[in-house]
Amino acid sequence: MRERRVNPVGRAATASVTRITLGGLRLAVLDLEQTANFMIDMVFPQRRTNRPLYLTSANGEVLARCSTEPMTDRLFRAADLINADGQPLVTVSRFKSSTPLPERVATTDLFHVVARKAQATGLTFYMFGADEAENAAAVANVRSRYPALKIIGRSHGYLRGDALRTKVDEINALAPDYLWVALGVPYEQAFVEEYAARLSNVGVIKTSGGLFNFLSGSRARAPQWMQGVGLEWAWRIWLEPRRLFWRYLTTNPRALYLLFNKSRPSVTDRTGD
């Protein structure tokens, strides 16, 4: 998928969304409800574009990785819209921009808002990613919580080669309004780049990170007070120290540097890069 600045479809569909540059990436100045409404408006009562709209999210780790990994940077800049999924980004935006981010838009929260609205309007979900057990448990819990929500398909994300291409074509034939892709950064973004052209019948693709782990119940979210002060990363380290300690030790300082040195004080051009 091409970067937005040379992608007229994505530019036109998101032209009304205000953005600010924070830590080097252009982020949508939308709250949780506004983001969900935007996602609904893109497909209801009819689809606004002839190809899937690509939404992703950025936190401090993403900012740090984009600054050191050219491929990751390219994949994120190809998104039609990037939400801020990190409280530190919201906090710093209040000091660095005349138009700060209104709140954190965590995918784990966004999913439920969109699910409620989709259930009321008859829109459809496909849930792709995680392993088979996590995927099945996540979908079962979502169906229990939203019995009228139309989940028209699901699949684990451990597919490669012909099996993956066959699954992509199957998803396209089902034509879901929303495809939630939970493969982790940057694999889910790379999935969109490689397969978006084969998913022309999909309305919106939303990358989802570890969403299915929370939906399945296998992973607990940080207490609300930790989320509110930007310490969810510390909670995650406490849960998974071997996997996450070094990651956050290396990315957090760089993210702070980028937030204070690669942010613009005013709203960026809505139609530019």
Foldseek 3Di string as FASTA:
>chain_A
DQFQQPPVQLLVLQLVFWWWQFLRDTATQDDLLRVLVSLCVCCPPHHDGQFAAEEEEDELLLSLCLVPPVVSVRLVRRHSHYHYQFQVQQVLQVVQAPRGRPGHHALLVSVVSNQVVCLVVVAEEEEEEDAPVLFVLLVVLSCVVRVSHHHPYYYYHPDDDPRVVVVLLVQLVVLGQEYEYAHAPPVSSVCCVVCRVSNSSYHYYYYHHCNSCVSSVVDDFDPPVCRNVRNRLVVVCVVPVVVRVVSCVPRVVSSVVSRVPVTHHYIDNSNHD
